[in-house]
C-alpha atoms as a PDB file:
ATOM      1  CA  MET A   1     -18.397 -12.961 155.308  1.00  0.00           C
ATOM      2  CA  ARG A   2     -20.934 -11.098 157.433  1.00  0.00           C
ATOM      3  CA  HIS A   3     -24.087  -9.782 155.857  1.00  0.00           C
ATOM      4  CA  PHE A   4     -25.571  -6.547 157.120  1.00  0.00           C
ATOM      5  CA  THR A   5     -29.239  -6.505 158.022  1.00  0.00           C
ATOM      6  CA  PRO A   6     -31.058  -3.887 160.044  1.00  0.00           C
ATOM      7  CA  ALA A   7     -32.210  -6.560 162.499  1.00  0.00           C
ATOM      8  CA  LYS A   8     -28.663  -7.815 163.153  1.00  0.00           C
ATOM      9  CA  PHE A   9     -27.399  -4.249 163.514  1.00  0.00           C
ATOM     10  CA  SER A  10     -30.122  -3.435 166.021  1.00  0.00           C
ATOM     11  CA  LYS A  11     -29.379  -6.575 168.038  1.00  0.00           C
ATOM     12  CA  SER A  12     -25.660  -5.782 168.040  1.00  0.00           C
ATOM     13  CA  GLN A  13     -26.259  -2.211 169.220  1.00  0.00           C
ATOM     14  CA  ALA A  14     -28.586  -3.438 171.959  1.00  0.00           C
ATOM     15  CA  ARG A  15     -25.854  -5.739 173.312  1.00  0.00           C
ATOM     16  CA  LYS A  16     -23.342  -2.897 173.280  1.00  0.00           C
ATOM     17  CA  GLY A  17     -25.802  -0.596 175.035  1.00  0.00           C
ATOM     18  CA  VAL A  18     -26.297  -3.059 177.885  1.00  0.00           C
ATOM     19  CA  LYS A  19     -22.534  -3.115 178.463  1.00  0.00           C
ATOM     20  CA  GLY A  20     -22.402   0.684 178.598  1.00  0.00           C
ATOM     21  CA  GLY A  21     -23.120   1.170 182.286  1.00  0.00           C
ATOM     22  CA  LYS A  22     -21.236  -1.904 183.448  1.00  0.00           C
ATOM     23  CA  CYS A  23     -17.685  -0.966 182.488  1.00  0.00           C
ATOM     24  CA  SER A  24     -15.397  -0.697 185.458  1.00  0.00           C
ATOM     25  CA  LYS A  25     -13.705   2.613 185.989  1.00  0.00           C
ATOM     26  CA  GLY A  26     -10.242   2.016 187.317  1.00  0.00           C
ATOM     27  CA  GLY A  27      -7.029   3.925 187.479  1.00  0.00           C
ATOM     28  CA  GLY A  28      -6.566   7.522 188.379  1.00  0.00           C
ATOM     29  CA  ARG A  29      -5.985   8.904 191.829  1.00  0.00           C
ATOM     30  CA  PRO A  30      -7.861   7.672 194.857  1.00  0.00           C
ATOM     31  CA  SER A  31     -10.500  10.091 196.041  1.00  0.00           C
ATOM     32  CA  ILE A  32      -9.514  12.267 199.005  1.00  0.00           C
ATOM     33  CA  GLY A  33     -12.832  14.055 199.260  1.00  0.00           C
ATOM     34  CA  GLU A  34     -12.660  17.822 199.582  1.00  0.00           C
ATOM     35  CA  PRO A  35     -10.799  18.569 202.838  1.00  0.00           C
ATOM     36  CA  TRP A  36     -10.043  22.144 201.713  1.00  0.00           C
ATOM     37  CA  LEU A  37     -13.724  22.999 202.171  1.00  0.00           C
ATOM     38  CA  ASP A  38     -13.553  21.966 205.833  1.00  0.00           C
ATOM     39  CA  LEU A  39     -10.483  24.167 206.277  1.00  0.00           C
ATOM     40  CA  GLY A  40     -12.084  27.120 204.513  1.00  0.00           C
ATOM     41  CA  ILE A  41      -9.313  27.429 201.921  1.00  0.00           C
ATOM     42  CA  SER A  42      -9.118  26.982 198.163  1.00  0.00           C
ATOM     43  CA  ARG A  43      -8.137  23.690 196.578  1.00  0.00           C
ATOM     44  CA  ALA A  44      -4.910  25.193 195.215  1.00  0.00           C
ATOM     45  CA  THR A  45      -3.953  26.580 198.631  1.00  0.00           C
ATOM     46  CA  TYR A  46      -4.668  23.195 200.220  1.00  0.00           C
ATOM     47  CA  PHE A  47      -2.268  21.396 197.881  1.00  0.00           C
ATOM     48  CA  ARG A  48       0.411  24.116 198.195  1.00  0.00           C
ATOM     49  CA  LYS A  49       0.311  23.853 201.987  1.00  0.00           C
ATOM     50  CA  LYS A  50       0.239  20.054 201.842  1.00  0.00           C
ATOM     51  CA  LYS A  51       3.313  20.023 199.597  1.00  0.00           C
ATOM     52  CA  ALA A  52       5.109  22.414 201.950  1.00  0.00           C
ATOM     53  CA  GLY A  53       4.304  20.157 204.911  1.00  0.00           C
ATOM     54  CA  LEU A  54       2.070  22.719 206.602  1.00  0.00           C
ATOM     55  CA  LEU A  55      -0.927  20.374 206.738  1.00  0.00           C
END
């Protein structure tokens, strides 16, 4: 059985805090940047034209 003490709690939280910024962020879509800005069109228009094969 584990016994709660403020010192143990603080130590545990400190360990968890150190891990906070080190988690890998995977998954999702690969970044494509923002090519619609270079074309001077909106993001929605960019993807509509891309889907239609116009880009």
